[in-house]
Protein backbone atom coordinates (compact mmCIF):
# COMPACT_ATOMS: atom_id res chain seq x y z
CA MET A 1 63.13 83.27 85.13
CA ILE A 2 64.81 85.55 82.76
CA THR A 3 63.22 87.70 79.86
CA SER A 4 64.31 90.51 77.60
CA ARG A 5 62.47 93.06 75.39
CA ASN A 6 63.68 95.13 72.83
CA LEU A 7 67.26 94.91 73.49
CA GLN A 8 69.76 97.31 71.34
CA PHE A 9 73.36 97.67 71.68
CA SER A 10 76.03 99.49 69.68
CA TYR A 11 79.87 99.68 69.89
CA SER A 12 79.98 102.19 67.22
CA PRO A 13 77.59 103.57 64.41
CA GLN A 14 79.07 100.93 62.37
CA LYS A 15 78.44 98.13 64.68
CA GLN A 16 74.89 97.98 66.08
CA PHE A 17 73.03 95.06 67.20
CA ALA A 18 69.19 94.49 67.65
CA PHE A 19 68.38 91.34 69.64
CA PRO A 20 65.23 89.19 69.59
CA ASP A 21 62.95 89.03 72.50
CA ILE A 22 63.74 85.87 74.83
CA SER A 23 61.80 84.41 77.61
CA CYS A 24 63.15 81.32 79.62
CA ALA A 25 61.26 80.04 82.72
CA ASP A 26 62.41 78.40 85.66
CA LYS A 27 63.75 74.82 85.15
CA GLU A 28 63.73 75.40 81.35
CA ALA A 29 66.56 75.81 78.93
CA LEU A 30 66.79 78.06 76.01
CA LEU A 31 69.49 77.55 73.26
CA ILE A 32 70.59 80.86 71.13
CA LEU A 33 72.29 79.93 68.16
CA GLY A 34 74.28 82.29 65.64
CA GLN A 35 77.48 82.38 63.69
CA SER A 36 80.48 84.42 64.44
CA GLY A 37 79.92 88.21 64.13
CA ARG A 38 76.06 87.85 65.06
CA GLY A 39 76.64 89.22 68.62
CA LYS A 40 76.09 86.09 70.41
CA THR A 41 78.48 87.09 73.13
CA THR A 42 77.31 90.59 73.40
CA PHE A 43 73.69 89.33 74.03
CA LEU A 44 75.13 87.07 76.76
CA HIS A 45 76.94 89.87 78.32
CA LEU A 46 73.79 92.00 78.26
CA LEU A 47 71.84 89.43 79.99
CA ALA A 48 74.57 88.89 82.43
CA LEU A 49 74.66 92.59 83.35
CA LEU A 50 78.08 93.26 82.23
CA LEU A 51 77.04 95.52 79.41
CA LYS A 52 74.05 98.19 79.59
CA PRO A 53 71.89 98.17 76.63
CA ASP A 54 71.24 101.42 74.53
CA SER A 55 67.54 100.49 75.00
CA GLY A 56 65.04 97.63 76.06
CA ASN A 57 64.98 95.92 79.27
CA ILE A 58 65.74 92.75 80.98
CA HIS A 59 63.77 91.19 83.82
CA ILE A 60 65.25 88.53 86.25
CA ASP A 61 62.59 86.86 88.68
CA ASN A 62 60.21 89.63 87.50
CA ARG A 63 62.34 92.28 88.47
CA GLU A 64 63.46 94.87 85.98
CA LEU A 65 67.14 95.44 85.85
CA SER A 66 68.08 98.31 83.47
CA GLY A 67 68.13 101.05 86.16
CA LEU A 68 70.50 99.37 88.68
CA SER A 69 73.50 100.81 89.96
CA HIS A 70 76.99 99.27 89.37
CA THR A 71 77.18 97.83 92.96
CA GLU A 72 73.53 96.30 92.65
CA ARG A 73 74.39 94.71 89.37
CA THR A 74 77.65 93.32 90.74
CA ASN A 75 75.57 91.84 93.84
CA ILE A 76 73.04 90.28 91.45
CA ARG A 77 75.56 88.88 89.34
CA ALA A 78 77.33 87.42 92.26
CA LYS A 79 74.20 85.82 94.01
CA SER A 80 71.71 85.17 91.23
CA LEU A 81 73.88 84.47 88.07
CA GLY A 82 76.02 81.59 87.17
CA ILE A 83 78.10 82.67 84.13
CA ILE A 84 80.06 80.41 81.96
CA TYR A 85 82.36 82.57 79.96
CA GLN A 86 83.80 81.49 76.50
CA ARG A 87 87.44 82.06 77.95
CA ALA A 88 87.99 81.00 81.26
CA HIS A 89 89.12 83.47 83.83
CA PHE A 90 91.01 82.19 86.61
CA VAL A 91 93.34 83.32 89.68
CA GLY A 92 96.47 81.76 88.45
CA ALA A 93 97.79 81.54 92.19
CA LEU A 94 94.88 79.22 93.33
CA SER A 95 94.23 75.73 92.75
CA VAL A 96 91.46 74.38 90.77
CA LEU A 97 89.37 73.64 94.11
CA ASP A 98 89.93 77.29 95.28
CA ASN A 99 88.98 78.82 91.89
CA ILE A 100 85.66 76.90 92.11
CA LEU A 101 85.05 78.05 95.68
CA LEU A 102 85.99 81.55 94.92
CA SER A 103 82.38 82.33 93.55
CA SER A 104 81.08 81.11 96.79
CA TYR A 105 83.36 83.42 98.90
CA LEU A 106 82.60 86.35 96.62
CA ALA A 107 78.96 86.03 97.05
CA GLY A 108 79.23 85.62 100.66
CA ASN A 109 78.02 82.01 100.87
CA LYS A 110 79.37 78.96 102.59
CA GLN A 111 82.56 77.39 100.71
CA ASP A 112 81.09 73.90 100.17
CA LYS A 113 84.01 71.71 99.38
CA GLU A 114 81.69 68.83 99.05
CA LYS A 115 79.78 70.41 96.28
CA ALA A 116 82.72 71.37 94.37
CA ALA A 117 84.14 67.77 94.70
CA TYR A 118 80.80 66.40 93.23
CA LEU A 119 80.67 68.73 90.26
CA ALA A 120 84.39 68.07 89.59
CA GLU A 121 83.26 64.24 89.46
CA GLN A 122 80.44 64.75 87.29
CA LEU A 123 82.44 66.74 85.01
CA GLY A 124 85.37 64.34 84.79
CA PHE A 125 88.20 66.65 86.40
CA ALA A 126 88.20 65.14 90.09
CA ASP A 127 91.86 64.19 89.81
CA HIS A 128 92.89 67.72 89.16
CA LEU A 129 91.43 69.87 92.08
CA HIS A 130 94.73 70.37 93.59
CA LYS A 131 96.46 71.42 90.39
CA LYS A 132 96.81 74.90 89.17
CA THR A 133 94.48 75.98 86.30
CA THR A 134 97.57 76.49 83.98
CA GLN A 135 98.21 72.75 84.14
CA LEU A 136 94.70 71.96 82.62
CA SER A 137 93.93 71.74 78.77
CA GLN A 138 91.26 74.09 77.39
CA GLY A 139 88.58 71.63 77.64
CA GLU A 140 89.18 70.94 81.21
CA GLN A 141 89.42 74.57 82.10
CA GLN A 142 86.02 75.13 80.33
CA ARG A 143 84.66 72.37 82.58
CA VAL A 144 86.05 74.04 85.63
CA SER A 145 84.25 77.14 84.67
CA ILE A 146 81.07 75.31 84.58
CA ALA A 147 81.51 73.93 88.04
CA ARG A 148 82.28 77.28 89.43
CA ALA A 149 78.89 78.78 87.49
CA LEU A 150 76.86 76.17 89.33
CA MET A 151 78.32 76.34 92.90
CA ASN A 152 75.96 79.17 94.37
CA ASN A 153 72.66 77.53 92.91
CA PRO A 154 72.15 80.43 90.58
CA ASN A 155 68.70 81.58 89.54
CA VAL A 156 69.79 82.10 85.99
CA ILE A 157 72.72 79.92 84.41
CA LEU A 158 74.20 81.96 81.33
CA ALA A 159 76.44 79.76 79.06
CA ASP A 160 78.87 81.27 76.32
CA GLU A 161 79.91 78.39 74.02
CA PRO A 162 80.20 75.77 77.05
CA THR A 163 81.07 72.99 74.51
CA SER A 164 83.21 74.53 72.08
CA ASN A 165 86.59 72.94 73.22
CA LEU A 166 84.96 69.55 74.04
CA ASP A 167 85.01 66.15 72.30
CA ASP A 168 81.42 64.57 71.65
CA ASN A 169 81.61 62.56 74.65
CA ASN A 170 82.11 65.45 76.99
CA CYS A 171 79.94 67.60 75.12
CA GLN A 172 77.13 65.30 75.83
CA LYS A 173 78.09 65.11 79.50
CA VAL A 174 78.15 68.84 79.86
CA VAL A 175 74.93 69.45 78.25
CA GLU A 176 73.18 66.69 80.39
CA LEU A 177 74.77 68.42 83.65
CA LEU A 178 73.68 71.90 82.82
CA LYS A 179 70.09 70.76 81.97
CA ASN A 180 70.00 68.44 85.15
CA GLN A 181 71.35 71.23 87.44
CA ALA A 182 69.17 73.84 86.07
CA PHE A 183 66.28 71.77 86.70
CA SER A 184 67.18 70.63 90.07
CA ILE A 185 67.91 74.12 91.45
CA GLY A 186 65.05 75.63 89.73
CA ALA A 187 67.15 77.70 87.31
CA SER A 188 66.70 79.11 83.73
CA LEU A 189 69.50 78.05 81.52
CA VAL A 190 70.59 79.91 78.37
CA VAL A 191 73.27 78.63 76.06
CA VAL A 192 74.57 80.72 73.32
CA THR A 193 76.68 79.00 70.86
CA HIS A 194 77.46 78.21 67.09
CA ASP A 195 77.86 74.38 68.04
CA GLN A 196 75.46 72.55 65.87
CA ARG A 197 75.52 69.62 67.86
CA LEU A 198 73.51 71.34 70.46
CA LYS A 199 70.36 71.74 68.11
CA ASP A 200 68.87 68.37 68.83
CA GLU A 201 69.26 68.84 72.87
CA PHE A 202 67.31 72.01 73.19
CA PRO A 203 63.63 72.22 72.00
CA ASN A 204 63.61 75.96 72.73
CA GLN A 205 65.69 77.89 70.48
CA VAL A 206 66.15 81.39 69.24
CA PHE A 207 68.32 82.18 66.04
CA LEU A 208 70.54 85.28 65.78
């Protein structure tokens, strides 16, 4: 479960954000909709403990996280959060498969090749596992990022524009996989996007 209360963040006196309170229980999904410039990615980075709020608090599994050290925040990200970034971040020297397994390695978990292959099959890039990520299209890279985020059975899945580079067919596949995976592992799923195609897929919505 993830909740936030009274979150505020500023990059400068001219660029300040105040975010709505959210609550997303285990096995639930929440869609956060907003146009460019409304702070969607900033909000997600706060929830992902990549940024510290100026005020307010975040709870994950009833633990208040604002006072954690840098090391504690890093450990929670590795073990409890599955983060799907808007722009994929990969190690160029590694294969697609090894980039997926990297999240398990960094969290100190078993490197489960069978699960990586299963997720690749479900997301439609199983034929590319031994390629370099630079050989993939943007849409394929985005799906690799999603697979990597799901590898550690996170308590919370945070997705930043996970469908923005996908056609309608793959958009539907990704949404269904994210929701099904969140439900099956008991995770909370929070998606931030401007993609209007997702409005009918998530009954719980917040607008920025």
